[in-house]
């Protein structure tokens, strides 16, 4: 007797069970807009009002800092900030301006345990990165100190990095870079205080030196503000011999196009 009918029956049962599970899930946790909470047609989608408020960062922008220009100055042009104070990393790319619905997404992921938002956010980050993720040798999240990780139970940068790795097929290196200094929260600190807070806060985990030496790396965080944290992390990677460091964040705190 052919096994084909049994295989078809199994597929039908599996499909029915998956549909039933989704229906029950939508009943218990109905799809809502991540920005305002209004009901939507599917999970992971914004309502039209919130979608219009997200300011995605598109070209033209500074090739080093990713700051959006208000006009197109031509290819390869750097911002005055990148020229006057070159960063220690090679480039920064961010998906959106840190305001409105984009800020709500970051806060929901970071403070409300909405890890279900990370795949959508990582998809936008991958688009913003252009070819830099695909051409990298590995993806590293900005790490939390072990005491803060024990309190929060997860690292939002690692959630974003994990989904970036899954979508791009690049190696995910969550244990390579560690935070050895218990820093204060950066929120509310001045730019100088932020730098002092994270100075010498990172190092390469013993036995992971080969993950970094001579490699092109993507360093992932949720938000870029003054750059103090990712700069301190980049210095640790540079000291370990990283060939290239691209900083990739979901959002960037800027006042507007320059």
C-alpha atoms as a PDB file:
ATOM      1  CA  UNK A   1       0.000   0.000   0.000  1.00  0.00           C
ATOM      2  CA  UNK A   2       1.295   3.482  -0.858  1.00  0.00           C
ATOM      3  CA  UNK A   3       2.325   5.718   1.988  1.00  0.00           C
ATOM      4  CA  UNK A   4       1.187   8.791   0.044  1.00  0.00           C
ATOM      5  CA  UNK A   5      -2.324   9.018   1.568  1.00  0.00           C
ATOM      6  CA  UNK A   6      -0.867   8.787   5.070  1.00  0.00           C
ATOM      7  CA  UNK A   7       1.675  11.514   4.268  1.00  0.00           C
ATOM      8  CA  UNK A   8      -1.053  13.745   2.867  1.00  0.00           C
ATOM      9  CA  UNK A   9      -3.213  13.142   5.911  1.00  0.00           C
ATOM     10  CA  UNK A  10      -0.306  14.028   8.196  1.00  0.00           C
ATOM     11  CA  UNK A  11       0.279  17.269   6.312  1.00  0.00           C
ATOM     12  CA  UNK A  12      -3.406  18.157   6.588  1.00  0.00           C
ATOM     13  CA  UNK A  13      -3.430  17.453  10.313  1.00  0.00           C
ATOM     14  CA  UNK A  14      -0.238  19.477  10.804  1.00  0.00           C
ATOM     15  CA  UNK A  15      -1.611  22.392   8.801  1.00  0.00           C
ATOM     16  CA  UNK A  16      -4.898  22.308  10.730  1.00  0.00           C
ATOM     17  CA  UNK A  17      -3.066  22.221  14.066  1.00  0.00           C
ATOM     18  CA  UNK A  18      -0.863  25.166  13.070  1.00  0.00           C
ATOM     19  CA  UNK A  19      -3.889  27.170  11.961  1.00  0.00           C
ATOM     20  CA  UNK A  20      -5.758  26.337  15.146  1.00  0.00           C
ATOM     21  CA  UNK A  21      -2.745  27.367  17.243  1.00  0.00           C
ATOM     22  CA  UNK A  22      -2.499  30.711  15.427  1.00  0.00           C
ATOM     23  CA  UNK A  23      -6.234  31.291  15.883  1.00  0.00           C
ATOM     24  CA  UNK A  24      -6.051  30.601  19.606  1.00  0.00           C
ATOM     25  CA  UNK A  25      -2.936  32.761  19.894  1.00  0.00           C
ATOM     26  CA  UNK A  26      -4.644  35.661  18.134  1.00  0.00           C
ATOM     27  CA  UNK A  27      -7.646  35.231  20.412  1.00  0.00           C
ATOM     28  CA  UNK A  28      -5.552  35.364  23.585  1.00  0.00           C
ATOM     29  CA  UNK A  29      -2.982  37.869  22.278  1.00  0.00           C
ATOM     30  CA  UNK A  30      -4.718  39.785  19.490  1.00  0.00           C
ATOM     31  CA  UNK A  31      -2.480  41.573  16.978  1.00  0.00           C
ATOM     32  CA  UNK A  32      -2.031  45.200  17.970  1.00  0.00           C
ATOM     33  CA  UNK A  33       0.057  48.105  16.730  1.00  0.00           C
ATOM     34  CA  UNK A  34       3.414  48.156  18.590  1.00  0.00           C
ATOM     35  CA  UNK A  35       3.230  51.932  18.684  1.00  0.00           C
ATOM     36  CA  UNK A  36      -0.230  52.744  20.066  1.00  0.00           C
ATOM     37  CA  UNK A  37      -1.875  49.394  20.869  1.00  0.00           C
ATOM     38  CA  UNK A  38      -4.784  49.669  18.420  1.00  0.00           C
ATOM     39  CA  UNK A  39      -5.944  46.371  16.865  1.00  0.00           C
ATOM     40  CA  UNK A  40      -4.320  45.497  13.531  1.00  0.00           C
ATOM     41  CA  UNK A  41      -4.795  42.777  10.940  1.00  0.00           C
ATOM     42  CA  UNK A  42      -1.589  40.881  11.719  1.00  0.00           C
ATOM     43  CA  UNK A  43       1.159  40.662  14.304  1.00  0.00           C
ATOM     44  CA  UNK A  44       4.204  42.837  13.753  1.00  0.00           C
ATOM     45  CA  UNK A  45       2.367  45.512  11.800  1.00  0.00           C
ATOM     46  CA  UNK A  46       1.844  49.183  12.597  1.00  0.00           C
ATOM     47  CA  UNK A  47      -1.384  51.066  12.199  1.00  0.00           C
ATOM     48  CA  UNK A  48      -1.289  53.665   9.387  1.00  0.00           C
ATOM     49  CA  UNK A  49      -1.041  56.550  11.855  1.00  0.00           C
ATOM     50  CA  UNK A  50       2.058  55.206  13.651  1.00  0.00           C
ATOM     51  CA  UNK A  51       3.658  54.009  10.436  1.00  0.00           C
ATOM     52  CA  UNK A  52       3.587  57.552   9.038  1.00  0.00           C
ATOM     53  CA  UNK A  53       5.366  58.817  12.154  1.00  0.00           C
ATOM     54  CA  UNK A  54       8.416  56.543  11.817  1.00  0.00           C
ATOM     55  CA  UNK A  55      11.295  58.472  10.268  1.00  0.00           C
ATOM     56  CA  UNK A  56      13.468  55.870   8.575  1.00  0.00           C
ATOM     57  CA  UNK A  57      17.000  56.992   7.778  1.00  0.00           C
ATOM     58  CA  UNK A  58      17.514  56.958   4.039  1.00  0.00           C
ATOM     59  CA  UNK A  59      20.236  58.270   1.773  1.00  0.00           C
ATOM     60  CA  UNK A  60      21.708  60.833   1.517  1.00  0.00           C
ATOM     61  CA  UNK A  61      23.605  60.555   4.800  1.00  0.00           C
ATOM     62  CA  UNK A  62      27.143  60.856   6.145  1.00  0.00           C
ATOM     63  CA  UNK A  63      29.132  57.820   5.047  1.00  0.00           C
ATOM     64  CA  UNK A  64      30.791  57.519   8.459  1.00  0.00           C
ATOM     65  CA  UNK A  65      28.196  58.545  11.048  1.00  0.00           C
ATOM     66  CA  UNK A  66      25.059  57.790   9.050  1.00  0.00           C
ATOM     67  CA  UNK A  67      23.614  61.223   9.909  1.00  0.00           C
ATOM     68  CA  UNK A  68      20.879  62.116   7.409  1.00  0.00           C
ATOM     69  CA  UNK A  69      21.491  65.144   5.174  1.00  0.00           C
ATOM     70  CA  UNK A  70      18.677  67.560   4.349  1.00  0.00           C
ATOM     71  CA  UNK A  71      19.989  67.707   0.760  1.00  0.00           C
ATOM     72  CA  UNK A  72      22.192  65.516  -1.431  1.00  0.00           C
ATOM     73  CA  UNK A  73      25.791  66.834  -1.292  1.00  0.00           C
ATOM     74  CA  UNK A  74      27.084  64.060  -3.546  1.00  0.00           C
ATOM     75  CA  UNK A  75      28.532  60.588  -2.981  1.00  0.00           C
ATOM     76  CA  UNK A  76      31.017  59.944  -0.201  1.00  0.00           C
ATOM     77  CA  UNK A  77      30.494  63.254   1.602  1.00  0.00           C
ATOM     78  CA  UNK A  78      31.154  63.310   5.349  1.00  0.00           C
ATOM     79  CA  UNK A  79      29.371  65.386   7.956  1.00  0.00           C
ATOM     80  CA  UNK A  80      31.224  68.158   9.777  1.00  0.00           C
ATOM     81  CA  UNK A  81      30.954  66.081  12.965  1.00  0.00           C
ATOM     82  CA  UNK A  82      32.685  63.084  11.367  1.00  0.00           C
ATOM     83  CA  UNK A  83      35.484  65.295  10.050  1.00  0.00           C
ATOM     84  CA  UNK A  84      36.030  67.241  13.275  1.00  0.00           C
ATOM     85  CA  UNK A  85      35.759  64.252  15.616  1.00  0.00           C
ATOM     86  CA  UNK A  86      36.276  60.977  13.708  1.00  0.00           C
ATOM     87  CA  UNK A  87      34.828  57.970  15.566  1.00  0.00           C
ATOM     88  CA  UNK A  88      36.902  54.960  16.564  1.00  0.00           C
ATOM     89  CA  UNK A  89      34.574  52.666  14.607  1.00  0.00           C
ATOM     90  CA  UNK A  90      34.544  52.600  10.804  1.00  0.00           C
ATOM     91  CA  UNK A  91      30.917  53.508  10.274  1.00  0.00           C
ATOM     92  CA  UNK A  92      27.526  53.801  11.943  1.00  0.00           C
ATOM     93  CA  UNK A  93      24.232  52.758  10.436  1.00  0.00           C
ATOM     94  CA  UNK A  94      20.784  53.081  12.045  1.00  0.00           C
ATOM     95  CA  UNK A  95      17.327  52.216  10.801  1.00  0.00           C
ATOM     96  CA  UNK A  96      15.282  55.107  12.215  1.00  0.00           C
ATOM     97  CA  UNK A  97      15.339  58.374  14.124  1.00  0.00           C
ATOM     98  CA  UNK A  98      14.814  57.848  17.854  1.00  0.00           C
ATOM     99  CA  UNK A  99      11.418  59.486  18.226  1.00  0.00           C
ATOM    100  CA  UNK A 100       7.722  58.666  18.166  1.00  0.00           C
ATOM    101  CA  UNK A 101       6.838  55.087  17.302  1.00  0.00           C
ATOM    102  CA  UNK A 102      10.493  54.121  16.867  1.00  0.00           C
ATOM    103  CA  UNK A 103      11.243  55.255  20.423  1.00  0.00           C
ATOM    104  CA  UNK A 104       8.211  53.328  21.655  1.00  0.00           C
ATOM    105  CA  UNK A 105       9.568  50.186  19.987  1.00  0.00           C
ATOM    106  CA  UNK A 106      12.925  50.563  21.717  1.00  0.00           C
ATOM    107  CA  UNK A 107      11.314  51.156  25.100  1.00  0.00           C
ATOM    108  CA  UNK A 108       8.913  48.236  24.645  1.00  0.00           C
ATOM    109  CA  UNK A 109      11.779  45.882  23.821  1.00  0.00           C
ATOM    110  CA  UNK A 110      14.085  47.189  26.533  1.00  0.00           C
ATOM    111  CA  UNK A 111      11.788  47.905  29.465  1.00  0.00           C
ATOM    112  CA  UNK A 112       8.586  45.949  28.779  1.00  0.00           C
ATOM    113  CA  UNK A 113      10.124  42.615  27.772  1.00  0.00           C
ATOM    114  CA  UNK A 114       8.639  42.788  24.261  1.00  0.00           C
ATOM    115  CA  UNK A 115      11.207  40.476  22.719  1.00  0.00           C
ATOM    116  CA  UNK A 116       8.623  39.583  20.076  1.00  0.00           C
ATOM    117  CA  UNK A 117       9.420  42.949  18.451  1.00  0.00           C
ATOM    118  CA  UNK A 118      13.090  42.083  17.883  1.00  0.00           C
ATOM    119  CA  UNK A 119      12.629  40.176  14.571  1.00  0.00           C
ATOM    120  CA  UNK A 120      10.821  43.120  12.952  1.00  0.00           C
ATOM    121  CA  UNK A 121      13.373  45.624  14.259  1.00  0.00           C
ATOM    122  CA  UNK A 122      16.272  43.436  13.118  1.00  0.00           C
ATOM    123  CA  UNK A 123      14.788  43.259   9.639  1.00  0.00           C
ATOM    124  CA  UNK A 124      14.809  47.046   9.366  1.00  0.00           C
ATOM    125  CA  UNK A 125      18.368  47.154  10.728  1.00  0.00           C
ATOM    126  CA  UNK A 126      19.515  44.648   8.125  1.00  0.00           C
ATOM    127  CA  UNK A 127      18.071  46.856   5.393  1.00  0.00           C
ATOM    128  CA  UNK A 128      19.797  49.927   6.867  1.00  0.00           C
ATOM    129  CA  UNK A 129      23.138  48.113   6.988  1.00  0.00           C
ATOM    130  CA  UNK A 130      23.173  47.689   3.201  1.00  0.00           C
ATOM    131  CA  UNK A 131      26.013  45.199   2.504  1.00  0.00           C
ATOM    132  CA  UNK A 132      27.965  45.627   5.739  1.00  0.00           C
ATOM    133  CA  UNK A 133      26.292  42.762   7.589  1.00  0.00           C
ATOM    134  CA  UNK A 134      26.513  40.393   4.616  1.00  0.00           C
ATOM    135  CA  UNK A 135      30.227  41.181   4.233  1.00  0.00           C
ATOM    136  CA  UNK A 136      31.046  40.786   7.919  1.00  0.00           C
ATOM    137  CA  UNK A 137      32.723  37.907   9.730  1.00  0.00           C
ATOM    138  CA  UNK A 138      30.488  38.071  12.773  1.00  0.00           C
ATOM    139  CA  UNK A 139      27.816  39.964  14.719  1.00  0.00           C
ATOM    140  CA  UNK A 140      28.399  40.985  18.335  1.00  0.00           C
ATOM    141  CA  UNK A 141      25.916  42.623  20.716  1.00  0.00           C
ATOM    142  CA  UNK A 142      26.953  45.311  23.181  1.00  0.00           C
ATOM    143  CA  UNK A 143      26.966  43.199  26.358  1.00  0.00           C
ATOM    144  CA  UNK A 144      25.328  43.832  29.700  1.00  0.00           C
ATOM    145  CA  UNK A 145      27.201  43.429  32.964  1.00  0.00           C
ATOM    146  CA  UNK A 146      26.318  40.077  34.559  1.00  0.00           C
ATOM    147  CA  UNK A 147      24.560  41.793  37.490  1.00  0.00           C
ATOM    148  CA  UNK A 148      22.299  43.796  35.180  1.00  0.00           C
ATOM    149  CA  UNK A 149      21.658  40.760  33.018  1.00  0.00           C
ATOM    150  CA  UNK A 150      20.594  38.806  36.112  1.00  0.00           C
ATOM    151  CA  UNK A 151      18.119  41.572  36.960  1.00  0.00           C
ATOM    152  CA  UNK A 152      16.746  42.125  33.428  1.00  0.00           C
ATOM    153  CA  UNK A 153      16.946  38.439  32.317  1.00  0.00           C
ATOM    154  CA  UNK A 154      17.774  39.359  28.721  1.00  0.00           C
ATOM    155  CA  UNK A 155      19.947  41.711  26.677  1.00  0.00           C
ATOM    156  CA  UNK A 156      18.019  43.734  24.108  1.00  0.00           C
ATOM    157  CA  UNK A 157      21.135  44.170  21.939  1.00  0.00           C
ATOM    158  CA  UNK A 158      21.651  40.404  21.941  1.00  0.00           C
ATOM    159  CA  UNK A 159      18.018  39.839  20.899  1.00  0.00           C
ATOM    160  CA  UNK A 160      18.499  42.165  17.937  1.00  0.00           C
ATOM    161  CA  UNK A 161      21.858  40.605  17.080  1.00  0.00           C
ATOM    162  CA  UNK A 162      20.491  37.071  17.253  1.00  0.00           C
ATOM    163  CA  UNK A 163      17.756  37.852  14.748  1.00  0.00           C
ATOM    164  CA  UNK A 164      20.176  39.767  12.527  1.00  0.00           C
ATOM    165  CA  UNK A 165      22.391  36.704  12.415  1.00  0.00           C
ATOM    166  CA  UNK A 166      19.436  34.477  11.629  1.00  0.00           C
ATOM    167  CA  UNK A 167      18.252  36.712   8.795  1.00  0.00           C
ATOM    168  CA  UNK A 168      21.725  37.246   7.303  1.00  0.00           C
ATOM    169  CA  UNK A 169      23.360  33.880   7.906  1.00  0.00           C
ATOM    170  CA  UNK A 170      26.395  35.527   9.539  1.00  0.00           C
ATOM    171  CA  UNK A 171      27.935  34.098  12.744  1.00  0.00           C
ATOM    172  CA  UNK A 172      26.460  35.354  16.003  1.00  0.00           C
ATOM    173  CA  UNK A 173      29.081  35.938  18.710  1.00  0.00           C
ATOM    174  CA  UNK A 174      27.176  36.749  21.925  1.00  0.00           C
ATOM    175  CA  UNK A 175      29.969  35.601  24.281  1.00  0.00           C
ATOM    176  CA  UNK A 176      32.978  37.219  22.588  1.00  0.00           C
ATOM    177  CA  UNK A 177      32.734  40.719  24.062  1.00  0.00           C
ATOM    178  CA  UNK A 178      32.069  41.053  27.798  1.00  0.00           C
ATOM    179  CA  UNK A 179      31.385  43.977  30.115  1.00  0.00           C
ATOM    180  CA  UNK A 180      33.774  43.836  33.057  1.00  0.00           C
ATOM    181  CA  UNK A 181      32.793  47.100  34.713  1.00  0.00           C
ATOM    182  CA  UNK A 182      29.411  47.625  36.328  1.00  0.00           C
ATOM    183  CA  UNK A 183      28.465  50.984  34.872  1.00  0.00           C
ATOM    184  CA  UNK A 184      25.699  53.364  35.862  1.00  0.00           C
ATOM    185  CA  UNK A 185      22.757  53.884  33.511  1.00  0.00           C
ATOM    186  CA  UNK A 186      23.702  56.274  30.720  1.00  0.00           C
ATOM    187  CA  UNK A 187      20.279  57.955  30.646  1.00  0.00           C
ATOM    188  CA  UNK A 188      20.534  61.478  32.041  1.00  0.00           C
ATOM    189  CA  UNK A 189      24.336  61.676  31.957  1.00  0.00           C
ATOM    190  CA  UNK A 190      26.238  64.331  30.019  1.00  0.00           C
ATOM    191  CA  UNK A 191      28.391  63.304  27.055  1.00  0.00           C
ATOM    192  CA  UNK A 192      31.575  63.541  29.154  1.00  0.00           C
ATOM    193  CA  UNK A 193      29.999  61.622  32.031  1.00  0.00           C
ATOM    194  CA  UNK A 194      28.903  58.891  29.607  1.00  0.00           C
ATOM    195  CA  UNK A 195      32.470  58.532  28.360  1.00  0.00           C
ATOM    196  CA  UNK A 196      33.840  58.311  31.904  1.00  0.00           C
ATOM    197  CA  UNK A 197      31.115  55.827  32.852  1.00  0.00           C
ATOM    198  CA  UNK A 198      32.021  53.269  30.178  1.00  0.00           C
ATOM    199  CA  UNK A 199      35.790  53.817  29.986  1.00  0.00           C
ATOM    200  CA  UNK A 200      37.568  50.421  30.079  1.00  0.00           C
ATOM    201  CA  UNK A 201      34.207  48.709  30.601  1.00  0.00           C
ATOM    202  CA  UNK A 202      34.697  46.040  27.904  1.00  0.00           C
ATOM    203  CA  UNK A 203      37.166  43.334  26.994  1.00  0.00           C
ATOM    204  CA  UNK A 204      37.395  40.180  24.916  1.00  0.00           C
ATOM    205  CA  UNK A 205      36.403  37.028  26.771  1.00  0.00           C
ATOM    206  CA  UNK A 206      39.342  34.657  27.328  1.00  0.00           C
ATOM    207  CA  UNK A 207      39.545  32.100  24.546  1.00  0.00           C
ATOM    208  CA  UNK A 208      37.586  34.251  22.063  1.00  0.00           C
ATOM    209  CA  UNK A 209      40.490  36.246  20.658  1.00  0.00           C
ATOM    210  CA  UNK A 210      40.268  34.449  17.306  1.00  0.00           C
ATOM    211  CA  UNK A 211      36.689  35.726  16.912  1.00  0.00           C
ATOM    212  CA  UNK A 212      38.079  39.255  16.662  1.00  0.00           C
ATOM    213  CA  UNK A 213      41.637  39.293  15.323  1.00  0.00           C
ATOM    214  CA  UNK A 214      41.695  40.337  11.671  1.00  0.00           C
ATOM    215  CA  UNK A 215      37.882  40.138  11.409  1.00  0.00           C
ATOM    216  CA  UNK A 216      35.254  42.514  10.013  1.00  0.00           C
ATOM    217  CA  UNK A 217      32.683  42.821  12.763  1.00  0.00           C
ATOM    218  CA  UNK A 218      29.212  44.313  13.244  1.00  0.00           C
ATOM    219  CA  UNK A 219      28.588  45.702  16.733  1.00  0.00           C
ATOM    220  CA  UNK A 220      24.872  45.845  17.575  1.00  0.00           C
ATOM    221  CA  UNK A 221      22.976  48.048  20.034  1.00  0.00           C
ATOM    222  CA  UNK A 222      19.425  49.363  20.289  1.00  0.00           C
ATOM    223  CA  UNK A 223      20.055  53.135  20.251  1.00  0.00           C
ATOM    224  CA  UNK A 224      22.946  55.427  19.328  1.00  0.00           C
ATOM    225  CA  UNK A 225      23.013  58.646  21.360  1.00  0.00           C
ATOM    226  CA  UNK A 226      26.432  60.155  22.128  1.00  0.00           C
ATOM    227  CA  UNK A 227      28.290  57.043  20.994  1.00  0.00           C
ATOM    228  CA  UNK A 228      30.144  56.602  24.281  1.00  0.00           C
ATOM    229  CA  UNK A 229      29.138  52.967  24.815  1.00  0.00           C
ATOM    230  CA  UNK A 230      29.800  51.679  21.296  1.00  0.00           C
ATOM    231  CA  UNK A 231      33.060  53.644  21.171  1.00  0.00           C
ATOM    232  CA  UNK A 232      34.287  52.007  24.373  1.00  0.00           C
ATOM    233  CA  UNK A 233      33.282  48.597  23.027  1.00  0.00           C
ATOM    234  CA  UNK A 234      34.984  49.326  19.692  1.00  0.00           C
ATOM    235  CA  UNK A 235      38.239  50.218  21.461  1.00  0.00           C
ATOM    236  CA  UNK A 236      38.269  46.783  23.078  1.00  0.00           C
ATOM    237  CA  UNK A 237      37.715  45.183  19.664  1.00  0.00           C
ATOM    238  CA  UNK A 238      40.451  47.313  18.073  1.00  0.00           C
ATOM    239  CA  UNK A 239      42.905  46.408  20.801  1.00  0.00           C
ATOM    240  CA  UNK A 240      42.183  42.746  20.074  1.00  0.00           C
ATOM    241  CA  UNK A 241      43.006  43.265  16.394  1.00  0.00           C
ATOM    242  CA  UNK A 242      39.618  43.766  14.714  1.00  0.00           C
ATOM    243  CA  UNK A 243      40.136  44.797  11.091  1.00  0.00           C
ATOM    244  CA  UNK A 244      36.844  46.684  10.780  1.00  0.00           C
ATOM    245  CA  UNK A 245      33.962  47.606  13.082  1.00  0.00           C
ATOM    246  CA  UNK A 246      30.545  48.653  11.811  1.00  0.00           C
ATOM    247  CA  UNK A 247      28.146  49.878  14.488  1.00  0.00           C
ATOM    248  CA  UNK A 248      24.535  49.000  13.716  1.00  0.00           C
ATOM    249  CA  UNK A 249      21.632  50.247  15.847  1.00  0.00           C
ATOM    250  CA  UNK A 250      17.903  50.274  15.460  1.00  0.00           C
ATOM    251  CA  UNK A 251      17.574  53.972  16.249  1.00  0.00           C
ATOM    252  CA  UNK A 252      19.704  57.112  16.317  1.00  0.00           C
ATOM    253  CA  UNK A 253      19.071  60.130  18.535  1.00  0.00           C
ATOM    254  CA  UNK A 254      19.381  63.197  16.312  1.00  0.00           C
ATOM    255  CA  UNK A 255      17.478  66.451  16.189  1.00  0.00           C
ATOM    256  CA  UNK A 256      16.912  66.216  12.449  1.00  0.00           C
ATOM    257  CA  UNK A 257      18.651  66.195   9.062  1.00  0.00           C
ATOM    258  CA  UNK A 258      21.898  68.195   8.880  1.00  0.00           C
END
